[in-house]
């Protein structure tokens, strides 16, 4: 099964919004060049928002990265 990051982000964003989490509400759209050369709207966030989104990922695969972030944050 191929994992599609756009689908994962869309599902995660919906789940967070349904939970009342405002992290993704603050993600703004910015036009950026896509692989096809066209300018497409893309969700963007600052470093604080990105870190909070990473902390909210419920996958056990994210745990090593979360632990690394905690060590680096010290």
PDB file of N, CA and C in Angstrom:
ATOM      1  N   UNK A   1       0.834  -1.176   0.000  1.00  0.00           N
ATOM      2  CA  UNK A   1       0.000   0.000   0.000  1.00  0.00           C
ATOM      3  C   UNK A   1       0.887   1.251   0.000  1.00  0.00           C
ATOM      4  N   UNK A   2       0.655   2.141  -0.934  1.00  0.00           N
ATOM      5  CA  UNK A   2       1.432   3.371  -1.030  1.00  0.00           C
ATOM      6  C   UNK A   2       0.826   4.432  -0.108  1.00  0.00           C
ATOM      7  N   UNK A   3       1.666   5.064   0.677  1.00  0.00           N
ATOM      8  CA  UNK A   3       1.208   6.108   1.591  1.00  0.00           C
ATOM      9  C   UNK A   3       1.244   7.447   0.853  1.00  0.00           C
ATOM     10  N   UNK A   4       0.127   8.149   0.896  1.00  0.00           N
ATOM     11  CA  UNK A   4       0.032   9.447   0.236  1.00  0.00           C
ATOM     12  C   UNK A   4       0.083  10.530   1.311  1.00  0.00           C
ATOM     13  N   UNK A   5       1.145  11.338   1.351  1.00  0.00           N
ATOM     14  CA  UNK A   5       1.255  12.357   2.398  1.00  0.00           C
ATOM     15  C   UNK A   5       0.127  13.385   2.363  1.00  0.00           C
ATOM     16  N   UNK A   6      -0.375  13.701   1.170  1.00  0.00           N
ATOM     17  CA  UNK A   6      -1.468  14.678   1.093  1.00  0.00           C
ATOM     18  C   UNK A   6      -2.729  14.133   1.748  1.00  0.00           C
ATOM     19  N   UNK A   7      -3.007  12.844   1.545  1.00  0.00           N
ATOM     20  CA  UNK A   7      -4.170  12.229   2.169  1.00  0.00           C
ATOM     21  C   UNK A   7      -3.989  12.182   3.682  1.00  0.00           C
ATOM     22  N   UNK A   8      -2.780  11.809   4.132  1.00  0.00           N
ATOM     23  CA  UNK A   8      -2.506  11.738   5.570  1.00  0.00           C
ATOM     24  C   UNK A   8      -2.712  13.114   6.206  1.00  0.00           C
ATOM     25  N   UNK A   9      -2.182  14.177   5.571  1.00  0.00           N
ATOM     26  CA  UNK A   9      -2.324  15.522   6.112  1.00  0.00           C
ATOM     27  C   UNK A   9      -3.785  15.936   6.151  1.00  0.00           C
ATOM     28  N   UNK A  10      -4.546  15.636   5.090  1.00  0.00           N
ATOM     29  CA  UNK A  10      -5.960  15.999   5.037  1.00  0.00           C
ATOM     30  C   UNK A  10      -6.732  15.313   6.170  1.00  0.00           C
ATOM     31  N   UNK A  11      -6.464  14.026   6.399  1.00  0.00           N
ATOM     32  CA  UNK A  11      -7.150  13.277   7.460  1.00  0.00           C
ATOM     33  C   UNK A  11      -6.734  13.802   8.837  1.00  0.00           C
ATOM     34  N   UNK A  12      -5.440  14.032   9.035  1.00  0.00           N
ATOM     35  CA  UNK A  12      -4.958  14.550  10.319  1.00  0.00           C
ATOM     36  C   UNK A  12      -5.541  15.925  10.597  1.00  0.00           C
ATOM     37  N   UNK A  13      -5.570  16.785   9.583  1.00  0.00           N
ATOM     38  CA  UNK A  13      -6.111  18.129   9.741  1.00  0.00           C
ATOM     39  C   UNK A  13      -7.588  18.083  10.126  1.00  0.00           C
ATOM     40  N   UNK A  14      -8.352  17.204   9.484  1.00  0.00           N
ATOM     41  CA  UNK A  14      -9.779  17.072   9.802  1.00  0.00           C
ATOM     42  C   UNK A  14      -9.963  16.558  11.229  1.00  0.00           C
ATOM     43  N   UNK A  15      -9.165  15.549  11.613  1.00  0.00           N
ATOM     44  CA  UNK A  15      -9.272  14.993  12.964  1.00  0.00           C
ATOM     45  C   UNK A  15      -8.964  16.062  14.018  1.00  0.00           C
ATOM     46  N   UNK A  16      -7.911  16.832  13.789  1.00  0.00           N
ATOM     47  CA  UNK A  16      -7.548  17.875  14.746  1.00  0.00           C
ATOM     48  C   UNK A  16      -8.633  18.948  14.839  1.00  0.00           C
ATOM     49  N   UNK A  17      -9.195  19.343  13.698  1.00  0.00           N
ATOM     50  CA  UNK A  17     -10.274  20.334  13.714  1.00  0.00           C
ATOM     51  C   UNK A  17     -11.492  19.797  14.451  1.00  0.00           C
ATOM     52  N   UNK A  18     -11.834  18.504  14.213  1.00  0.00           N
ATOM     53  CA  UNK A  18     -12.986  17.894  14.885  1.00  0.00           C
ATOM     54  C   UNK A  18     -12.796  17.846  16.401  1.00  0.00           C
ATOM     55  N   UNK A  19     -11.535  17.711  16.843  1.00  0.00           N
ATOM     56  CA  UNK A  19     -11.232  17.676  18.273  1.00  0.00           C
ATOM     57  C   UNK A  19     -11.207  19.077  18.883  1.00  0.00           C
ATOM     58  N   UNK A  20     -11.347  20.097  18.035  1.00  0.00           N
ATOM     59  CA  UNK A  20     -11.305  21.469  18.530  1.00  0.00           C
ATOM     60  C   UNK A  20      -9.896  22.023  18.637  1.00  0.00           C
ATOM     61  N   UNK A  21      -8.930  21.311  18.086  1.00  0.00           N
ATOM     62  CA  UNK A  21      -7.548  21.751  18.113  1.00  0.00           C
ATOM     63  C   UNK A  21      -7.374  22.883  17.101  1.00  0.00           C
ATOM     64  N   UNK A  22      -6.850  24.016  17.560  1.00  0.00           N
ATOM     65  CA  UNK A  22      -6.733  25.192  16.702  1.00  0.00           C
ATOM     66  C   UNK A  22      -5.396  25.295  15.995  1.00  0.00           C
ATOM     67  N   UNK A  23      -4.535  24.309  16.145  1.00  0.00           N
ATOM     68  CA  UNK A  23      -3.219  24.364  15.500  1.00  0.00           C
ATOM     69  C   UNK A  23      -3.365  24.520  13.994  1.00  0.00           C
ATOM     70  N   UNK A  24      -4.173  23.662  13.383  1.00  0.00           N
ATOM     71  CA  UNK A  24      -4.286  23.692  11.929  1.00  0.00           C
ATOM     72  C   UNK A  24      -5.110  24.877  11.443  1.00  0.00           C
ATOM     73  N   UNK A  25      -5.895  25.472  12.311  1.00  0.00           N
ATOM     74  CA  UNK A  25      -6.649  26.664  11.932  1.00  0.00           C
ATOM     75  C   UNK A  25      -5.690  27.795  11.590  1.00  0.00           C
ATOM     76  N   UNK A  26      -4.536  27.796  12.238  1.00  0.00           N
ATOM     77  CA  UNK A  26      -3.547  28.849  12.025  1.00  0.00           C
ATOM     78  C   UNK A  26      -2.614  28.571  10.855  1.00  0.00           C
ATOM     79  N   UNK A  27      -2.784  27.436  10.181  1.00  0.00           N
ATOM     80  CA  UNK A  27      -1.989  27.147   8.996  1.00  0.00           C
ATOM     81  C   UNK A  27      -2.576  27.941   7.834  1.00  0.00           C
ATOM     82  N   UNK A  28      -1.766  28.768   7.231  1.00  0.00           N
ATOM     83  CA  UNK A  28      -2.232  29.630   6.157  1.00  0.00           C
ATOM     84  C   UNK A  28      -1.864  29.050   4.804  1.00  0.00           C
ATOM     85  N   UNK A  29      -2.604  29.469   3.787  1.00  0.00           N
ATOM     86  CA  UNK A  29      -2.303  29.048   2.432  1.00  0.00           C
ATOM     87  C   UNK A  29      -1.311  30.027   1.808  1.00  0.00           C
ATOM     88  N   UNK A  30      -0.335  29.477   1.115  1.00  0.00           N
ATOM     89  CA  UNK A  30       0.664  30.263   0.423  1.00  0.00           C
ATOM     90  C   UNK A  30       0.860  29.644  -0.948  1.00  0.00           C
ATOM     91  N   UNK A  31       0.914  30.465  -1.982  1.00  0.00           N
ATOM     92  CA  UNK A  31       1.137  29.922  -3.317  1.00  0.00           C
ATOM     93  C   UNK A  31       2.609  29.579  -3.466  1.00  0.00           C
ATOM     94  N   UNK A  32       2.850  28.317  -3.832  1.00  0.00           N
ATOM     95  CA  UNK A  32       4.212  27.835  -4.028  1.00  0.00           C
ATOM     96  C   UNK A  32       4.259  27.030  -5.316  1.00  0.00           C
ATOM     97  N   UNK A  33       5.439  26.940  -5.943  1.00  0.00           N
ATOM     98  CA  UNK A  33       5.532  26.170  -7.186  1.00  0.00           C
ATOM     99  C   UNK A  33       5.378  24.670  -6.919  1.00  0.00           C
ATOM    100  N   UNK A  34       4.526  24.029  -7.706  1.00  0.00           N
ATOM    101  CA  UNK A  34       4.304  22.587  -7.606  1.00  0.00           C
ATOM    102  C   UNK A  34       5.240  21.882  -8.590  1.00  0.00           C
ATOM    103  N   UNK A  35       5.349  20.553  -8.483  1.00  0.00           N
ATOM    104  CA  UNK A  35       6.214  19.818  -9.412  1.00  0.00           C
ATOM    105  C   UNK A  35       5.861  20.053 -10.888  1.00  0.00           C
ATOM    106  N   UNK A  36       4.600  20.387 -11.163  1.00  0.00           N
ATOM    107  CA  UNK A  36       4.205  20.634 -12.551  1.00  0.00           C
ATOM    108  C   UNK A  36       4.522  22.060 -12.998  1.00  0.00           C
ATOM    109  N   UNK A  37       5.146  22.851 -12.116  1.00  0.00           N
ATOM    110  CA  UNK A  37       5.541  24.206 -12.458  1.00  0.00           C
ATOM    111  C   UNK A  37       4.486  25.261 -12.177  1.00  0.00           C
ATOM    112  N   UNK A  38       3.267  24.851 -11.876  1.00  0.00           N
ATOM    113  CA  UNK A  38       2.203  25.810 -11.584  1.00  0.00           C
ATOM    114  C   UNK A  38       2.281  26.249 -10.127  1.00  0.00           C
ATOM    115  N   UNK A  39       1.747  27.431  -9.866  1.00  0.00           N
ATOM    116  CA  UNK A  39       1.687  27.937  -8.493  1.00  0.00           C
ATOM    117  C   UNK A  39       0.413  27.393  -7.846  1.00  0.00           C
ATOM    118  N   UNK A  40       0.570  26.668  -6.751  1.00  0.00           N
ATOM    119  CA  UNK A  40      -0.567  26.044  -6.064  1.00  0.00           C
ATOM    120  C   UNK A  40      -0.594  26.503  -4.612  1.00  0.00           C
ATOM    121  N   UNK A  41      -1.831  26.618  -4.067  1.00  0.00           N
ATOM    122  CA  UNK A  41      -1.972  26.946  -2.649  1.00  0.00           C
ATOM    123  C   UNK A  41      -1.495  25.772  -1.810  1.00  0.00           C
ATOM    124  N   UNK A  42      -0.679  26.079  -0.817  1.00  0.00           N
ATOM    125  CA  UNK A  42      -0.080  25.061   0.051  1.00  0.00           C
ATOM    126  C   UNK A  42      -0.237  25.492   1.491  1.00  0.00           C
ATOM    127  N   UNK A  43      -0.567  24.557   2.382  1.00  0.00           N
ATOM    128  CA  UNK A  43      -0.634  24.873   3.805  1.00  0.00           C
ATOM    129  C   UNK A  43       0.780  25.150   4.315  1.00  0.00           C
ATOM    130  N   UNK A  44       0.935  26.228   5.050  1.00  0.00           N
ATOM    131  CA  UNK A  44       2.223  26.573   5.649  1.00  0.00           C
ATOM    132  C   UNK A  44       2.016  26.864   7.132  1.00  0.00           C
ATOM    133  N   UNK A  45       3.068  26.673   7.916  1.00  0.00           N
ATOM    134  CA  UNK A  45       3.010  26.927   9.354  1.00  0.00           C
ATOM    135  C   UNK A  45       4.391  27.357   9.827  1.00  0.00           C
ATOM    136  N   UNK A  46       4.423  28.061  10.968  1.00  0.00           N
ATOM    137  CA  UNK A  46       5.719  28.434  11.529  1.00  0.00           C
ATOM    138  C   UNK A  46       6.262  27.260  12.358  1.00  0.00           C
ATOM    139  N   UNK A  47       7.471  27.426  12.868  1.00  0.00           N
ATOM    140  CA  UNK A  47       8.129  26.305  13.565  1.00  0.00           C
ATOM    141  C   UNK A  47       7.359  25.859  14.807  1.00  0.00           C
ATOM    142  N   UNK A  48       6.767  26.784  15.542  1.00  0.00           N
ATOM    143  CA  UNK A  48       5.992  26.404  16.732  1.00  0.00           C
ATOM    144  C   UNK A  48       4.783  25.557  16.339  1.00  0.00           C
ATOM    145  N   UNK A  49       4.082  25.968  15.288  1.00  0.00           N
ATOM    146  CA  UNK A  49       2.919  25.206  14.825  1.00  0.00           C
ATOM    147  C   UNK A  49       3.335  23.816  14.349  1.00  0.00           C
ATOM    148  N   UNK A  50       4.444  23.740  13.620  1.00  0.00           N
ATOM    149  CA  UNK A  50       4.925  22.437  13.122  1.00  0.00           C
ATOM    150  C   UNK A  50       5.229  21.510  14.296  1.00  0.00           C
ATOM    151  N   UNK A  51       5.913  22.007  15.304  1.00  0.00           N
ATOM    152  CA  UNK A  51       6.243  21.177  16.463  1.00  0.00           C
ATOM    153  C   UNK A  51       4.985  20.701  17.184  1.00  0.00           C
ATOM    154  N   UNK A  52       3.987  21.565  17.298  1.00  0.00           N
ATOM    155  CA  UNK A  52       2.737  21.179  17.959  1.00  0.00           C
ATOM    156  C   UNK A  52       1.989  20.137  17.131  1.00  0.00           C
ATOM    157  N   UNK A  53       2.017  20.266  15.816  1.00  0.00           N
ATOM    158  CA  UNK A  53       1.377  19.276  14.944  1.00  0.00           C
ATOM    159  C   UNK A  53       2.072  17.928  15.098  1.00  0.00           C
ATOM    160  N   UNK A  54       3.401  17.933  15.115  1.00  0.00           N
ATOM    161  CA  UNK A  54       4.153  16.680  15.272  1.00  0.00           C
ATOM    162  C   UNK A  54       3.793  16.015  16.595  1.00  0.00           C
ATOM    163  N   UNK A  55       3.679  16.819  17.661  1.00  0.00           N
ATOM    164  CA  UNK A  55       3.337  16.249  18.968  1.00  0.00           C
ATOM    165  C   UNK A  55       1.937  15.629  18.970  1.00  0.00           C
ATOM    166  N   UNK A  56       1.067  16.066  18.078  1.00  0.00           N
ATOM    167  CA  UNK A  56      -0.301  15.549  18.062  1.00  0.00           C
ATOM    168  C   UNK A  56      -0.471  14.306  17.185  1.00  0.00           C
ATOM    169  N   UNK A  57       0.576  13.886  16.486  1.00  0.00           N
ATOM    170  CA  UNK A  57       0.472  12.706  15.624  1.00  0.00           C
ATOM    171  C   UNK A  57       0.346  11.466  16.498  1.00  0.00           C
ATOM    172  N   UNK A  58      -0.739  10.680  16.315  1.00  0.00           N
ATOM    173  CA  UNK A  58      -0.999   9.548  17.202  1.00  0.00           C
ATOM    174  C   UNK A  58      -0.248   8.262  16.848  1.00  0.00           C
ATOM    175  N   UNK A  59       0.603   8.280  15.859  1.00  0.00           N
ATOM    176  CA  UNK A  59       1.273   7.061  15.406  1.00  0.00           C
ATOM    177  C   UNK A  59       2.459   6.692  16.296  1.00  0.00           C
ATOM    178  N   UNK A  60       2.613   5.399  16.615  1.00  0.00           N
ATOM    179  CA  UNK A  60       3.806   4.979  17.365  1.00  0.00           C
ATOM    180  C   UNK A  60       5.081   5.204  16.554  1.00  0.00           C
ATOM    181  N   UNK A  61       4.966   5.285  15.235  1.00  0.00           N
ATOM    182  CA  UNK A  61       6.137   5.551  14.401  1.00  0.00           C
ATOM    183  C   UNK A  61       6.687   6.957  14.630  1.00  0.00           C
ATOM    184  N   UNK A  62       5.870   7.845  15.158  1.00  0.00           N
ATOM    185  CA  UNK A  62       6.308   9.218  15.407  1.00  0.00           C
ATOM    186  C   UNK A  62       7.045   9.352  16.741  1.00  0.00           C
ATOM    187  N   UNK A  63       6.962   8.350  17.596  1.00  0.00           N
ATOM    188  CA  UNK A  63       7.555   8.442  18.936  1.00  0.00           C
ATOM    189  C   UNK A  63       9.054   8.712  18.933  1.00  0.00           C
ATOM    190  N   UNK A  64       9.865   8.003  18.131  1.00  0.00           N
ATOM    191  CA  UNK A  64      11.306   8.306  18.154  1.00  0.00           C
ATOM    192  C   UNK A  64      11.596   9.759  17.777  1.00  0.00           C
ATOM    193  N   UNK A  65      10.859  10.288  16.820  1.00  0.00           N
ATOM    194  CA  UNK A  65      11.046  11.674  16.414  1.00  0.00           C
ATOM    195  C   UNK A  65      10.622  12.616  17.531  1.00  0.00           C
ATOM    196  N   UNK A  66       9.518  12.311  18.213  1.00  0.00           N
ATOM    197  CA  UNK A  66       9.055  13.142  19.327  1.00  0.00           C
ATOM    198  C   UNK A  66      10.089  13.147  20.456  1.00  0.00           C
ATOM    199  N   UNK A  67      10.682  11.978  20.736  1.00  0.00           N
ATOM    200  CA  UNK A  67      11.692  11.893  21.790  1.00  0.00           C
ATOM    201  C   UNK A  67      12.939  12.695  21.401  1.00  0.00           C
ATOM    202  N   UNK A  68      13.318  12.609  20.133  1.00  0.00           N
ATOM    203  CA  UNK A  68      14.458  13.376  19.650  1.00  0.00           C
ATOM    204  C   UNK A  68      14.188  14.872  19.798  1.00  0.00           C
ATOM    205  N   UNK A  69      12.977  15.306  19.439  1.00  0.00           N
ATOM    206  CA  UNK A  69      12.613  16.724  19.575  1.00  0.00           C
ATOM    207  C   UNK A  69      12.698  17.172  21.036  1.00  0.00           C
ATOM    208  N   UNK A  70      12.250  16.310  21.936  1.00  0.00           N
ATOM    209  CA  UNK A  70      12.306  16.659  23.369  1.00  0.00           C
ATOM    210  C   UNK A  70      13.755  16.835  23.826  1.00  0.00           C
ATOM    211  N   UNK A  71      14.647  15.977  23.359  1.00  0.00           N
ATOM    212  CA  UNK A  71      16.067  16.089  23.739  1.00  0.00           C
ATOM    213  C   UNK A  71      16.682  17.354  23.151  1.00  0.00           C
ATOM    214  N   UNK A  72      16.404  17.621  21.903  1.00  0.00           N
ATOM    215  CA  UNK A  72      16.950  18.803  21.240  1.00  0.00           C
ATOM    216  C   UNK A  72      16.396  20.064  21.880  1.00  0.00           C
ATOM    217  N   UNK A  73      15.141  20.020  22.315  1.00  0.00           N
ATOM    218  CA  UNK A  73      14.495  21.182  22.927  1.00  0.00           C
ATOM    219  C   UNK A  73      15.081  21.558  24.269  1.00  0.00           C
ATOM    220  N   UNK A  74      15.741  20.604  24.937  1.00  0.00           N
ATOM    221  CA  UNK A  74      16.350  20.899  26.233  1.00  0.00           C
ATOM    222  C   UNK A  74      17.455  21.872  26.015  1.00  0.00           C
TER     223      UNK A  74
END
